């Protein structure tokens, strides 16, 4: 047996295991869009509107973010989570870190992603 080939084979197996393990961890931390929809309906809908277009019953200057817009949908989940967690300066978007758990914020983020697809009506 070629020792070098054996080492490369073991190294490749370890790399694949690490990647698969990492994916498992990431999936474990992803939010639940169904739960996020419920939270959104109770907390976010007044400002962001039913479809997330920023046309809720509450209006502000500057205007509320359109969550379906490419400018929002192209942001990383970590950026969206930070916005939910800390709020946004000089806007009506307050910090939700005092109201929502980390898991709930991930759930809302998952639902914001659904809003960007226009598929929000198909969730339970």
PDB file of N, CA and C in Angstrom:
ATOM      1  N   UNK A   1       0.845  -1.181   0.000  1.00  0.00           N
ATOM      2  CA  UNK A   1       0.000   0.000   0.000  1.00  0.00           C
ATOM      3  C   UNK A   1       0.887   1.240   0.000  1.00  0.00           C
ATOM      4  N   UNK A   2       0.470   2.222  -0.740  1.00  0.00           N
ATOM      5  CA  UNK A   2       1.181   3.485  -0.790  1.00  0.00           C
ATOM      6  C   UNK A   2       0.774   4.295   0.444  1.00  0.00           C
ATOM      7  N   UNK A   3       1.732   4.544   1.327  1.00  0.00           N
ATOM      8  CA  UNK A   3       1.455   5.235   2.589  1.00  0.00           C
ATOM      9  C   UNK A   3       0.923   6.638   2.324  1.00  0.00           C
ATOM     10  N   UNK A   4       1.510   7.314   1.363  1.00  0.00           N
ATOM     11  CA  UNK A   4       1.078   8.679   1.063  1.00  0.00           C
ATOM     12  C   UNK A   4      -0.387   8.674   0.608  1.00  0.00           C
ATOM     13  N   UNK A   5      -0.780   7.741  -0.236  1.00  0.00           N
ATOM     14  CA  UNK A   5      -2.163   7.658  -0.704  1.00  0.00           C
ATOM     15  C   UNK A   5      -3.094   7.385   0.475  1.00  0.00           C
ATOM     16  N   UNK A   6      -2.643   6.567   1.432  1.00  0.00           N
ATOM     17  CA  UNK A   6      -3.449   6.280   2.609  1.00  0.00           C
ATOM     18  C   UNK A   6      -3.658   7.518   3.448  1.00  0.00           C
ATOM     19  N   UNK A   7      -2.621   8.331   3.611  1.00  0.00           N
ATOM     20  CA  UNK A   7      -2.720   9.563   4.393  1.00  0.00           C
ATOM     21  C   UNK A   7      -3.649  10.548   3.687  1.00  0.00           C
ATOM     22  N   UNK A   8      -3.504  10.679   2.380  1.00  0.00           N
ATOM     23  CA  UNK A   8      -4.369  11.588   1.626  1.00  0.00           C
ATOM     24  C   UNK A   8      -5.821  11.132   1.738  1.00  0.00           C
ATOM     25  N   UNK A   9      -6.042   9.816   1.654  1.00  0.00           N
ATOM     26  CA  UNK A   9      -7.397   9.285   1.780  1.00  0.00           C
ATOM     27  C   UNK A   9      -7.996   9.595   3.135  1.00  0.00           C
ATOM     28  N   UNK A  10      -7.216   9.420   4.201  1.00  0.00           N
ATOM     29  CA  UNK A  10      -7.693   9.717   5.555  1.00  0.00           C
ATOM     30  C   UNK A  10      -7.945  11.212   5.696  1.00  0.00           C
ATOM     31  N   UNK A  11      -7.050  12.043   5.160  1.00  0.00           N
ATOM     32  CA  UNK A  11      -7.224  13.490   5.235  1.00  0.00           C
ATOM     33  C   UNK A  11      -8.489  13.919   4.505  1.00  0.00           C
ATOM     34  N   UNK A  12      -8.750  13.334   3.351  1.00  0.00           N
ATOM     35  CA  UNK A  12      -9.954  13.664   2.592  1.00  0.00           C
ATOM     36  C   UNK A  12     -11.197  13.265   3.363  1.00  0.00           C
ATOM     37  N   UNK A  13     -11.151  12.096   3.986  1.00  0.00           N
ATOM     38  CA  UNK A  13     -12.292  11.623   4.776  1.00  0.00           C
ATOM     39  C   UNK A  13     -12.545  12.558   5.958  1.00  0.00           C
ATOM     40  N   UNK A  14     -11.475  13.010   6.605  1.00  0.00           N
ATOM     41  CA  UNK A  14     -11.626  13.924   7.735  1.00  0.00           C
ATOM     42  C   UNK A  14     -12.215  15.255   7.269  1.00  0.00           C
ATOM     43  N   UNK A  15     -11.792  15.732   6.102  1.00  0.00           N
ATOM     44  CA  UNK A  15     -12.299  16.989   5.569  1.00  0.00           C
ATOM     45  C   UNK A  15     -13.789  16.866   5.262  1.00  0.00           C
ATOM     46  N   UNK A  16     -14.188  15.793   4.611  1.00  0.00           N
ATOM     47  CA  UNK A  16     -15.598  15.579   4.296  1.00  0.00           C
ATOM     48  C   UNK A  16     -16.407  15.481   5.586  1.00  0.00           C
ATOM     49  N   UNK A  17     -15.906  14.776   6.582  1.00  0.00           N
ATOM     50  CA  UNK A  17     -16.608  14.660   7.860  1.00  0.00           C
ATOM     51  C   UNK A  17     -16.774  16.022   8.514  1.00  0.00           C
ATOM     52  N   UNK A  18     -15.732  16.838   8.451  1.00  0.00           N
ATOM     53  CA  UNK A  18     -15.797  18.172   9.050  1.00  0.00           C
ATOM     54  C   UNK A  18     -16.835  19.029   8.334  1.00  0.00           C
ATOM     55  N   UNK A  19     -16.869  18.923   7.004  1.00  0.00           N
ATOM     56  CA  UNK A  19     -17.840  19.713   6.242  1.00  0.00           C
ATOM     57  C   UNK A  19     -19.252  19.249   6.562  1.00  0.00           C
ATOM     58  N   UNK A  20     -19.490  17.954   6.546  1.00  0.00           N
ATOM     59  CA  UNK A  20     -20.817  17.422   6.840  1.00  0.00           C
ATOM     60  C   UNK A  20     -21.210  17.769   8.271  1.00  0.00           C
ATOM     61  N   UNK A  21     -20.290  17.635   9.193  1.00  0.00           N
ATOM     62  CA  UNK A  21     -20.567  18.006  10.582  1.00  0.00           C
ATOM     63  C   UNK A  21     -20.909  19.475  10.697  1.00  0.00           C
ATOM     64  N   UNK A  22     -20.189  20.310   9.963  1.00  0.00           N
ATOM     65  CA  UNK A  22     -20.464  21.741   9.968  1.00  0.00           C
ATOM     66  C   UNK A  22     -21.837  22.049   9.415  1.00  0.00           C
ATOM     67  N   UNK A  23     -22.244  21.323   8.374  1.00  0.00           N
ATOM     68  CA  UNK A  23     -23.570  21.539   7.817  1.00  0.00           C
ATOM     69  C   UNK A  23     -24.634  21.148   8.823  1.00  0.00           C
ATOM     70  N   UNK A  24     -24.380  20.082   9.545  1.00  0.00           N
ATOM     71  CA  UNK A  24     -25.326  19.662  10.575  1.00  0.00           C
ATOM     72  C   UNK A  24     -25.478  20.726  11.635  1.00  0.00           C
ATOM     73  N   UNK A  25     -24.372  21.325  12.029  1.00  0.00           N
ATOM     74  CA  UNK A  25     -24.426  22.388  13.028  1.00  0.00           C
ATOM     75  C   UNK A  25     -25.183  23.583  12.495  1.00  0.00           C
ATOM     76  N   UNK A  26     -24.906  23.963  11.243  1.00  0.00           N
ATOM     77  CA  UNK A  26     -25.582  25.119  10.666  1.00  0.00           C
ATOM     78  C   UNK A  26     -27.083  24.868  10.608  1.00  0.00           C
ATOM     79  N   UNK A  27     -27.479  23.672  10.191  1.00  0.00           N
ATOM     80  CA  UNK A  27     -28.897  23.351  10.102  1.00  0.00           C
ATOM     81  C   UNK A  27     -29.541  23.406  11.482  1.00  0.00           C
ATOM     82  N   UNK A  28     -28.798  23.024  12.496  1.00  0.00           N
ATOM     83  CA  UNK A  28     -29.302  23.030  13.865  1.00  0.00           C
ATOM     84  C   UNK A  28     -29.605  24.452  14.330  1.00  0.00           C
ATOM     85  N   UNK A  29     -28.897  25.440  13.771  1.00  0.00           N
ATOM     86  CA  UNK A  29     -29.054  26.821  14.194  1.00  0.00           C
ATOM     87  C   UNK A  29     -29.954  27.631  13.269  1.00  0.00           C
ATOM     88  N   UNK A  30     -30.416  27.036  12.165  1.00  0.00           N
ATOM     89  CA  UNK A  30     -31.318  27.734  11.261  1.00  0.00           C
ATOM     90  C   UNK A  30     -32.647  27.958  11.956  1.00  0.00           C
ATOM     91  N   UNK A  31     -33.318  29.020  11.563  1.00  0.00           N
ATOM     92  CA  UNK A  31     -34.600  29.317  12.155  1.00  0.00           C
ATOM     93  C   UNK A  31     -35.730  28.527  11.520  1.00  0.00           C
ATOM     94  N   UNK A  32     -36.866  28.556  12.185  1.00  0.00           N
ATOM     95  CA  UNK A  32     -38.076  27.896  11.725  1.00  0.00           C
ATOM     96  C   UNK A  32     -39.007  28.976  11.174  1.00  0.00           C
ATOM     97  N   UNK A  33     -39.202  28.973   9.853  1.00  0.00           N
ATOM     98  CA  UNK A  33     -40.002  30.017   9.211  1.00  0.00           C
ATOM     99  C   UNK A  33     -41.459  29.994   9.669  1.00  0.00           C
ATOM    100  N   UNK A  34     -41.990  28.817   9.976  1.00  0.00           N
ATOM    101  CA  UNK A  34     -43.370  28.722  10.470  1.00  0.00           C
ATOM    102  C   UNK A  34     -43.535  29.437  11.799  1.00  0.00           C
ATOM    103  N   UNK A  35     -42.595  29.219  12.707  1.00  0.00           N
ATOM    104  CA  UNK A  35     -42.623  29.920  13.994  1.00  0.00           C
ATOM    105  C   UNK A  35     -42.362  31.413  13.790  1.00  0.00           C
ATOM    106  N   UNK A  36     -41.470  31.712  12.843  1.00  0.00           N
ATOM    107  CA  UNK A  36     -41.164  33.109  12.537  1.00  0.00           C
ATOM    108  C   UNK A  36     -42.374  33.858  12.005  1.00  0.00           C
ATOM    109  N   UNK A  37     -43.217  33.157  11.234  1.00  0.00           N
ATOM    110  CA  UNK A  37     -44.435  33.779  10.698  1.00  0.00           C
ATOM    111  C   UNK A  37     -45.362  34.207  11.830  1.00  0.00           C
ATOM    112  N   UNK A  38     -45.487  33.367  12.845  1.00  0.00           N
ATOM    113  CA  UNK A  38     -46.345  33.691  13.995  1.00  0.00           C
ATOM    114  C   UNK A  38     -45.784  34.907  14.729  1.00  0.00           C
ATOM    115  N   UNK A  39     -44.481  34.915  14.967  1.00  0.00           N
ATOM    116  CA  UNK A  39     -43.852  36.059  15.634  1.00  0.00           C
ATOM    117  C   UNK A  39     -44.014  37.324  14.797  1.00  0.00           C
ATOM    118  N   UNK A  40     -43.793  37.199  13.503  1.00  0.00           N
ATOM    119  CA  UNK A  40     -43.939  38.334  12.588  1.00  0.00           C
ATOM    120  C   UNK A  40     -45.365  38.897  12.674  1.00  0.00           C
ATOM    121  N   UNK A  41     -46.354  38.013  12.640  1.00  0.00           N
ATOM    122  CA  UNK A  41     -47.753  38.441  12.693  1.00  0.00           C
ATOM    123  C   UNK A  41     -48.076  39.166  13.998  1.00  0.00           C
ATOM    124  N   UNK A  42     -47.419  38.789  15.069  1.00  0.00           N
ATOM    125  CA  UNK A  42     -47.686  39.409  16.370  1.00  0.00           C
ATOM    126  C   UNK A  42     -46.858  40.664  16.636  1.00  0.00           C
ATOM    127  N   UNK A  43     -45.688  40.773  16.016  1.00  0.00           N
ATOM    128  CA  UNK A  43     -44.785  41.860  16.380  1.00  0.00           C
ATOM    129  C   UNK A  43     -44.368  42.791  15.235  1.00  0.00           C
ATOM    130  N   UNK A  44     -44.249  42.278  14.052  1.00  0.00           N
ATOM    131  CA  UNK A  44     -43.619  43.024  12.957  1.00  0.00           C
ATOM    132  C   UNK A  44     -44.602  43.583  11.943  1.00  0.00           C
ATOM    133  N   UNK A  45     -45.753  42.960  11.849  1.00  0.00           N
ATOM    134  CA  UNK A  45     -46.713  43.250  10.788  1.00  0.00           C
ATOM    135  C   UNK A  45     -47.218  44.691  10.819  1.00  0.00           C
ATOM    136  N   UNK A  46     -47.311  45.286  12.004  1.00  0.00           N
ATOM    137  CA  UNK A  46     -47.831  46.655  12.128  1.00  0.00           C
ATOM    138  C   UNK A  46     -47.001  47.649  11.337  1.00  0.00           C
ATOM    139  N   UNK A  47     -45.706  47.419  11.290  1.00  0.00           N
ATOM    140  CA  UNK A  47     -44.820  48.339  10.573  1.00  0.00           C
ATOM    141  C   UNK A  47     -44.470  47.820   9.176  1.00  0.00           C
ATOM    142  N   UNK A  48     -44.114  46.555   9.089  1.00  0.00           N
ATOM    143  CA  UNK A  48     -43.626  46.007   7.820  1.00  0.00           C
ATOM    144  C   UNK A  48     -44.745  45.527   6.903  1.00  0.00           C
ATOM    145  N   UNK A  49     -45.970  45.389   7.415  1.00  0.00           N
ATOM    146  CA  UNK A  49     -47.098  44.992   6.582  1.00  0.00           C
ATOM    147  C   UNK A  49     -47.216  43.486   6.418  1.00  0.00           C
ATOM    148  N   UNK A  50     -48.362  43.055   5.913  1.00  0.00           N
ATOM    149  CA  UNK A  50     -48.667  41.640   5.754  1.00  0.00           C
ATOM    150  C   UNK A  50     -47.641  40.954   4.857  1.00  0.00           C
ATOM    151  N   UNK A  51     -47.281  41.587   3.765  1.00  0.00           N
ATOM    152  CA  UNK A  51     -46.354  40.983   2.808  1.00  0.00           C
ATOM    153  C   UNK A  51     -44.911  41.429   3.014  1.00  0.00           C
ATOM    154  N   UNK A  52     -44.657  42.226   4.041  1.00  0.00           N
ATOM    155  CA  UNK A  52     -43.297  42.658   4.352  1.00  0.00           C
ATOM    156  C   UNK A  52     -42.782  43.803   3.501  1.00  0.00           C
ATOM    157  N   UNK A  53     -43.678  44.506   2.832  1.00  0.00           N
ATOM    158  CA  UNK A  53     -43.260  45.561   1.907  1.00  0.00           C
ATOM    159  C   UNK A  53     -43.088  46.931   2.575  1.00  0.00           C
ATOM    160  N   UNK A  54     -43.198  46.975   3.895  1.00  0.00           N
ATOM    161  CA  UNK A  54     -43.007  48.232   4.609  1.00  0.00           C
ATOM    162  C   UNK A  54     -44.240  49.115   4.593  1.00  0.00           C
ATOM    163  N   UNK A  55     -45.385  48.515   4.301  1.00  0.00           N
ATOM    164  CA  UNK A  55     -46.618  49.293   4.182  1.00  0.00           C
ATOM    165  C   UNK A  55     -47.629  48.940   5.267  1.00  0.00           C
ATOM    166  N   UNK A  56     -47.141  48.761   6.472  1.00  0.00           N
ATOM    167  CA  UNK A  56     -48.027  48.459   7.594  1.00  0.00           C
ATOM    168  C   UNK A  56     -48.818  49.684   8.009  1.00  0.00           C
ATOM    169  N   UNK A  57     -49.657  49.533   9.016  1.00  0.00           N
ATOM    170  CA  UNK A  57     -50.506  50.635   9.472  1.00  0.00           C
ATOM    171  C   UNK A  57     -49.700  51.743  10.154  1.00  0.00           C
ATOM    172  N   UNK A  58     -48.533  51.417  10.656  1.00  0.00           N
ATOM    173  CA  UNK A  58     -47.665  52.418  11.277  1.00  0.00           C
ATOM    174  C   UNK A  58     -46.735  52.983  10.196  1.00  0.00           C
ATOM    175  N   UNK A  59     -46.620  54.285  10.136  1.00  0.00           N
ATOM    176  CA  UNK A  59     -45.711  54.892   9.164  1.00  0.00           C
ATOM    177  C   UNK A  59     -44.698  55.760   9.894  1.00  0.00           C
ATOM    178  N   UNK A  60     -43.507  55.818   9.333  1.00  0.00           N
ATOM    179  CA  UNK A  60     -42.408  56.526   9.977  1.00  0.00           C
ATOM    180  C   UNK A  60     -41.553  57.252   8.945  1.00  0.00           C
ATOM    181  N   UNK A  61     -40.767  58.185   9.441  1.00  0.00           N
ATOM    182  CA  UNK A  61     -39.738  58.834   8.636  1.00  0.00           C
ATOM    183  C   UNK A  61     -38.425  58.595   9.349  1.00  0.00           C
ATOM    184  N   UNK A  62     -37.451  57.949   8.708  1.00  0.00           N
ATOM    185  CA  UNK A  62     -37.503  57.379   7.361  1.00  0.00           C
ATOM    186  C   UNK A  62     -38.466  56.198   7.297  1.00  0.00           C
ATOM    187  N   UNK A  63     -38.888  55.852   6.069  1.00  0.00           N
ATOM    188  CA  UNK A  63     -39.858  54.763   5.909  1.00  0.00           C
ATOM    189  C   UNK A  63     -39.339  53.428   6.427  1.00  0.00           C
ATOM    190  N   UNK A  64     -40.270  52.565   6.758  1.00  0.00           N
ATOM    191  CA  UNK A  64     -39.955  51.220   7.232  1.00  0.00           C
ATOM    192  C   UNK A  64     -39.372  50.416   6.066  1.00  0.00           C
ATOM    193  N   UNK A  65     -38.456  49.515   6.378  1.00  0.00           N
ATOM    194  CA  UNK A  65     -37.810  48.708   5.342  1.00  0.00           C
ATOM    195  C   UNK A  65     -38.795  47.780   4.646  1.00  0.00           C
ATOM    196  N   UNK A  66     -38.633  47.671   3.340  1.00  0.00           N
ATOM    197  CA  UNK A  66     -39.346  46.675   2.536  1.00  0.00           C
ATOM    198  C   UNK A  66     -38.519  45.404   2.631  1.00  0.00           C
ATOM    199  N   UNK A  67     -39.011  44.436   3.376  1.00  0.00           N
ATOM    200  CA  UNK A  67     -38.258  43.204   3.624  1.00  0.00           C
ATOM    201  C   UNK A  67     -38.170  42.298   2.410  1.00  0.00           C
ATOM    202  N   UNK A  68     -38.953  42.598   1.375  1.00  0.00           N
ATOM    203  CA  UNK A  68     -38.916  41.797   0.154  1.00  0.00           C
ATOM    204  C   UNK A  68     -37.905  42.344  -0.855  1.00  0.00           C
ATOM    205  N   UNK A  69     -37.396  43.536  -0.601  1.00  0.00           N
ATOM    206  CA  UNK A  69     -36.490  44.206  -1.538  1.00  0.00           C
ATOM    207  C   UNK A  69     -35.138  43.495  -1.615  1.00  0.00           C
ATOM    208  N   UNK A  70     -34.529  43.505  -2.788  1.00  0.00           N
ATOM    209  CA  UNK A  70     -33.199  42.898  -2.940  1.00  0.00           C
ATOM    210  C   UNK A  70     -32.180  43.445  -1.940  1.00  0.00           C
ATOM    211  N   UNK A  71     -32.283  44.730  -1.605  1.00  0.00           N
ATOM    212  CA  UNK A  71     -31.335  45.324  -0.653  1.00  0.00           C
ATOM    213  C   UNK A  71     -31.384  44.607   0.696  1.00  0.00           C
ATOM    214  N   UNK A  72     -32.527  44.093   1.075  1.00  0.00           N
ATOM    215  CA  UNK A  72     -32.668  43.342   2.325  1.00  0.00           C
ATOM    216  C   UNK A  72     -32.369  41.869   2.088  1.00  0.00           C
ATOM    217  N   UNK A  73     -32.931  41.308   1.051  1.00  0.00           N
ATOM    218  CA  UNK A  73     -32.801  39.877   0.801  1.00  0.00           C
ATOM    219  C   UNK A  73     -31.367  39.451   0.489  1.00  0.00           C
ATOM    220  N   UNK A  74     -30.546  40.363  -0.010  1.00  0.00           N
ATOM    221  CA  UNK A  74     -29.154  40.025  -0.311  1.00  0.00           C
ATOM    222  C   UNK A  74     -28.236  40.135   0.897  1.00  0.00           C
ATOM    223  N   UNK A  75     -28.752  40.615   2.016  1.00  0.00           N
ATOM    224  CA  UNK A  75     -27.945  40.704   3.235  1.00  0.00           C
ATOM    225  C   UNK A  75     -27.738  39.312   3.820  1.00  0.00           C
ATOM    226  N   UNK A  76     -26.631  39.151   4.506  1.00  0.00           N
ATOM    227  CA  UNK A  76     -26.357  37.899   5.200  1.00  0.00           C
ATOM    228  C   UNK A  76     -27.330  37.737   6.365  1.00  0.00           C
ATOM    229  N   UNK A  77     -27.619  36.495   6.722  1.00  0.00           N
ATOM    230  CA  UNK A  77     -28.483  36.239   7.872  1.00  0.00           C
ATOM    231  C   UNK A  77     -27.935  36.919   9.119  1.00  0.00           C
ATOM    232  N   UNK A  78     -26.625  36.894   9.276  1.00  0.00           N
ATOM    233  CA  UNK A  78     -26.008  37.512  10.461  1.00  0.00           C
ATOM    234  C   UNK A  78     -26.319  39.003  10.513  1.00  0.00           C
ATOM    235  N   UNK A  79     -26.361  39.658   9.372  1.00  0.00           N
ATOM    236  CA  UNK A  79     -26.674  41.086   9.321  1.00  0.00           C
ATOM    237  C   UNK A  79     -28.129  41.325   9.695  1.00  0.00           C
ATOM    238  N   UNK A  80     -29.030  40.488   9.169  1.00  0.00           N
ATOM    239  CA  UNK A  80     -30.445  40.622   9.512  1.00  0.00           C
ATOM    240  C   UNK A  80     -30.661  40.362  11.005  1.00  0.00           C
ATOM    241  N   UNK A  81     -29.991  39.335  11.529  1.00  0.00           N
ATOM    242  CA  UNK A  81     -30.104  39.029  12.957  1.00  0.00           C
ATOM    243  C   UNK A  81     -29.621  40.191  13.813  1.00  0.00           C
ATOM    244  N   UNK A  82     -28.530  40.802  13.412  1.00  0.00           N
ATOM    245  CA  UNK A  82     -27.996  41.942  14.161  1.00  0.00           C
ATOM    246  C   UNK A  82     -28.994  43.100  14.154  1.00  0.00           C
ATOM    247  N   UNK A  83     -29.638  43.321  13.014  1.00  0.00           N
ATOM    248  CA  UNK A  83     -30.630  44.390  12.925  1.00  0.00           C
ATOM    249  C   UNK A  83     -31.810  44.109  13.841  1.00  0.00           C
ATOM    250  N   UNK A  84     -32.284  42.871  13.845  1.00  0.00           N
ATOM    251  CA  UNK A  84     -33.385  42.508  14.734  1.00  0.00           C
ATOM    252  C   UNK A  84     -32.942  42.643  16.192  1.00  0.00           C
ATOM    253  N   UNK A  85     -31.764  42.166  16.483  1.00  0.00           N
ATOM    254  CA  UNK A  85     -31.230  42.179  17.848  1.00  0.00           C
ATOM    255  C   UNK A  85     -31.021  43.600  18.366  1.00  0.00           C
ATOM    256  N   UNK A  86     -30.321  44.416  17.586  1.00  0.00           N
ATOM    257  CA  UNK A  86     -29.901  45.741  18.050  1.00  0.00           C
ATOM    258  C   UNK A  86     -30.761  46.897  17.564  1.00  0.00           C
ATOM    259  N   UNK A  87     -31.599  46.662  16.556  1.00  0.00           N
ATOM    260  CA  UNK A  87     -32.361  47.748  15.958  1.00  0.00           C
ATOM    261  C   UNK A  87     -31.487  48.531  14.989  1.00  0.00           C
ATOM    262  N   UNK A  88     -32.022  49.644  14.486  1.00  0.00           N
ATOM    263  CA  UNK A  88     -31.263  50.495  13.561  1.00  0.00           C
ATOM    264  C   UNK A  88     -31.327  51.933  14.052  1.00  0.00           C
ATOM    265  N   UNK A  89     -30.172  52.554  14.155  1.00  0.00           N
ATOM    266  CA  UNK A  89     -30.099  53.946  14.605  1.00  0.00           C
ATOM    267  C   UNK A  89     -30.859  54.855  13.648  1.00  0.00           C
ATOM    268  N   UNK A  90     -31.442  55.885  14.220  1.00  0.00           N
ATOM    269  CA  UNK A  90     -32.146  56.922  13.466  1.00  0.00           C
ATOM    270  C   UNK A  90     -33.322  56.393  12.653  1.00  0.00           C
ATOM    271  N   UNK A  91     -33.887  55.279  13.088  1.00  0.00           N
ATOM    272  CA  UNK A  91     -35.098  54.735  12.474  1.00  0.00           C
ATOM    273  C   UNK A  91     -36.036  54.294  13.597  1.00  0.00           C
ATOM    274  N   UNK A  92     -37.212  53.859  13.212  1.00  0.00           N
ATOM    275  CA  UNK A  92     -38.167  53.351  14.197  1.00  0.00           C
ATOM    276  C   UNK A  92     -37.884  51.903  14.587  1.00  0.00           C
ATOM    277  N   UNK A  93     -36.909  51.281  13.927  1.00  0.00           N
ATOM    278  CA  UNK A  93     -36.595  49.875  14.206  1.00  0.00           C
ATOM    279  C   UNK A  93     -35.836  49.791  15.524  1.00  0.00           C
ATOM    280  N   UNK A  94     -36.553  49.354  16.547  1.00  0.00           N
ATOM    281  CA  UNK A  94     -35.958  49.221  17.867  1.00  0.00           C
ATOM    282  C   UNK A  94     -35.287  47.875  18.055  1.00  0.00           C
ATOM    283  N   UNK A  95     -34.577  47.744  19.139  1.00  0.00           N
ATOM    284  CA  UNK A  95     -33.896  46.490  19.484  1.00  0.00           C
ATOM    285  C   UNK A  95     -34.910  45.492  20.023  1.00  0.00           C
ATOM    286  N   UNK A  96     -34.868  44.274  19.491  1.00  0.00           N
ATOM    287  CA  UNK A  96     -35.773  43.215  19.947  1.00  0.00           C
ATOM    288  C   UNK A  96     -35.076  42.250  20.898  1.00  0.00           C
ATOM    289  N   UNK A  97     -33.818  42.535  21.237  1.00  0.00           N
ATOM    290  CA  UNK A  97     -33.063  41.647  22.130  1.00  0.00           C
ATOM    291  C   UNK A  97     -33.682  41.557  23.520  1.00  0.00           C
ATOM    292  N   UNK A  98     -34.506  42.513  23.857  1.00  0.00           N
ATOM    293  CA  UNK A  98     -35.148  42.510  25.168  1.00  0.00           C
ATOM    294  C   UNK A  98     -36.487  41.768  25.154  1.00  0.00           C
ATOM    295  N   UNK A  99     -36.953  41.414  23.959  1.00  0.00           N
ATOM    296  CA  UNK A  99     -38.265  40.790  23.801  1.00  0.00           C
ATOM    297  C   UNK A  99     -38.152  39.357  23.280  1.00  0.00           C
ATOM    298  N   UNK A 100     -37.280  39.157  22.306  1.00  0.00           N
ATOM    299  CA  UNK A 100     -37.156  37.865  21.637  1.00  0.00           C
ATOM    300  C   UNK A 100     -35.904  37.113  22.079  1.00  0.00           C
ATOM    301  N   UNK A 101     -36.009  35.803  22.110  1.00  0.00           N
ATOM    302  CA  UNK A 101     -34.836  34.971  22.366  1.00  0.00           C
ATOM    303  C   UNK A 101     -34.004  34.901  21.084  1.00  0.00           C
ATOM    304  N   UNK A 102     -32.797  34.403  21.189  1.00  0.00           N
ATOM    305  CA  UNK A 102     -31.951  34.226  20.002  1.00  0.00           C
ATOM    306  C   UNK A 102     -32.632  33.299  18.998  1.00  0.00           C
ATOM    307  N   UNK A 103     -33.246  32.227  19.494  1.00  0.00           N
ATOM    308  CA  UNK A 103     -33.944  31.290  18.613  1.00  0.00           C
ATOM    309  C   UNK A 103     -35.103  31.975  17.893  1.00  0.00           C
ATOM    310  N   UNK A 104     -35.862  32.784  18.616  1.00  0.00           N
ATOM    311  CA  UNK A 104     -36.981  33.496  17.996  1.00  0.00           C
ATOM    312  C   UNK A 104     -36.498  34.477  16.936  1.00  0.00           C
ATOM    313  N   UNK A 105     -35.370  35.125  17.172  1.00  0.00           N
ATOM    314  CA  UNK A 105     -34.817  36.032  16.168  1.00  0.00           C
ATOM    315  C   UNK A 105     -34.394  35.266  14.919  1.00  0.00           C
ATOM    316  N   UNK A 106     -33.849  34.055  15.098  1.00  0.00           N
ATOM    317  CA  UNK A 106     -33.511  33.213  13.938  1.00  0.00           C
ATOM    318  C   UNK A 106     -34.778  32.790  13.204  1.00  0.00           C
ATOM    319  N   UNK A 107     -35.839  32.522  13.940  1.00  0.00           N
ATOM    320  CA  UNK A 107     -37.111  32.158  13.322  1.00  0.00           C
ATOM    321  C   UNK A 107     -37.652  33.316  12.483  1.00  0.00           C
ATOM    322  N   UNK A 108     -37.617  34.523  13.027  1.00  0.00           N
ATOM    323  CA  UNK A 108     -38.083  35.696  12.279  1.00  0.00           C
ATOM    324  C   UNK A 108     -37.216  35.898  11.037  1.00  0.00           C
ATOM    325  N   UNK A 109     -35.921  35.733  11.168  1.00  0.00           N
ATOM    326  CA  UNK A 109     -35.022  35.861  10.015  1.00  0.00           C
ATOM    327  C   UNK A 109     -35.384  34.849   8.942  1.00  0.00           C
ATOM    328  N   UNK A 110     -35.676  33.630   9.338  1.00  0.00           N
ATOM    329  CA  UNK A 110     -36.080  32.598   8.373  1.00  0.00           C
ATOM    330  C   UNK A 110     -37.364  33.018   7.670  1.00  0.00           C
ATOM    331  N   UNK A 111     -38.279  33.627   8.391  1.00  0.00           N
ATOM    332  CA  UNK A 111     -39.521  34.074   7.764  1.00  0.00           C
ATOM    333  C   UNK A 111     -39.278  35.262   6.841  1.00  0.00           C
ATOM    334  N   UNK A 112     -38.384  36.152   7.201  1.00  0.00           N
ATOM    335  CA  UNK A 112     -38.050  37.275   6.319  1.00  0.00           C
ATOM    336  C   UNK A 112     -37.543  36.729   4.981  1.00  0.00           C
ATOM    337  N   UNK A 113     -36.780  35.653   5.014  1.00  0.00           N
ATOM    338  CA  UNK A 113     -36.321  35.019   3.774  1.00  0.00           C
ATOM    339  C   UNK A 113     -37.497  34.514   2.947  1.00  0.00           C
ATOM    340  N   UNK A 114     -38.511  33.973   3.607  1.00  0.00           N
ATOM    341  CA  UNK A 114     -39.706  33.493   2.903  1.00  0.00           C
ATOM    342  C   UNK A 114     -40.448  34.668   2.263  1.00  0.00           C
ATOM    343  N   UNK A 115     -40.512  35.787   2.975  1.00  0.00           N
ATOM    344  CA  UNK A 115     -41.171  36.981   2.421  1.00  0.00           C
ATOM    345  C   UNK A 115     -40.522  37.371   1.089  1.00  0.00           C
ATOM    346  N   UNK A 116     -39.212  37.206   0.994  1.00  0.00           N
ATOM    347  CA  UNK A 116     -38.497  37.560  -0.231  1.00  0.00           C
ATOM    348  C   UNK A 116     -38.848  36.678  -1.401  1.00  0.00           C
ATOM    349  N   UNK A 117     -39.370  35.503  -1.135  1.00  0.00           N
ATOM    350  CA  UNK A 117     -39.760  34.584  -2.215  1.00  0.00           C
ATOM    351  C   UNK A 117     -41.215  34.764  -2.605  1.00  0.00           C
ATOM    352  N   UNK A 118     -41.975  35.502  -1.801  1.00  0.00           N
ATOM    353  CA  UNK A 118     -43.390  35.670  -2.061  1.00  0.00           C
ATOM    354  C   UNK A 118     -44.219  34.452  -1.667  1.00  0.00           C
ATOM    355  N   UNK A 119     -43.604  33.501  -0.973  1.00  0.00           N
ATOM    356  CA  UNK A 119     -44.280  32.251  -0.613  1.00  0.00           C
ATOM    357  C   UNK A 119     -44.844  32.286   0.804  1.00  0.00           C
ATOM    358  N   UNK A 120     -44.945  33.454   1.418  1.00  0.00           N
ATOM    359  CA  UNK A 120     -45.354  33.535   2.820  1.00  0.00           C
ATOM    360  C   UNK A 120     -46.766  33.029   3.066  1.00  0.00           C
ATOM    361  N   UNK A 121     -47.624  33.025   2.080  1.00  0.00           N
ATOM    362  CA  UNK A 121     -49.002  32.574   2.284  1.00  0.00           C
ATOM    363  C   UNK A 121     -49.101  31.054   2.358  1.00  0.00           C
ATOM    364  N   UNK A 122     -48.077  30.348   1.896  1.00  0.00           N
ATOM    365  CA  UNK A 122     -48.147  28.897   1.886  1.00  0.00           C
ATOM    366  C   UNK A 122     -47.697  28.270   3.209  1.00  0.00           C
ATOM    367  N   UNK A 123     -47.117  29.069   4.108  1.00  0.00           N
ATOM    368  CA  UNK A 123     -46.700  28.535   5.402  1.00  0.00           C
ATOM    369  C   UNK A 123     -47.914  28.378   6.306  1.00  0.00           C
ATOM    370  N   UNK A 124     -47.840  27.383   7.173  1.00  0.00           N
ATOM    371  CA  UNK A 124     -48.966  27.198   8.121  1.00  0.00           C
ATOM    372  C   UNK A 124     -49.093  28.366   9.075  1.00  0.00           C
TER     373      UNK A 124
END
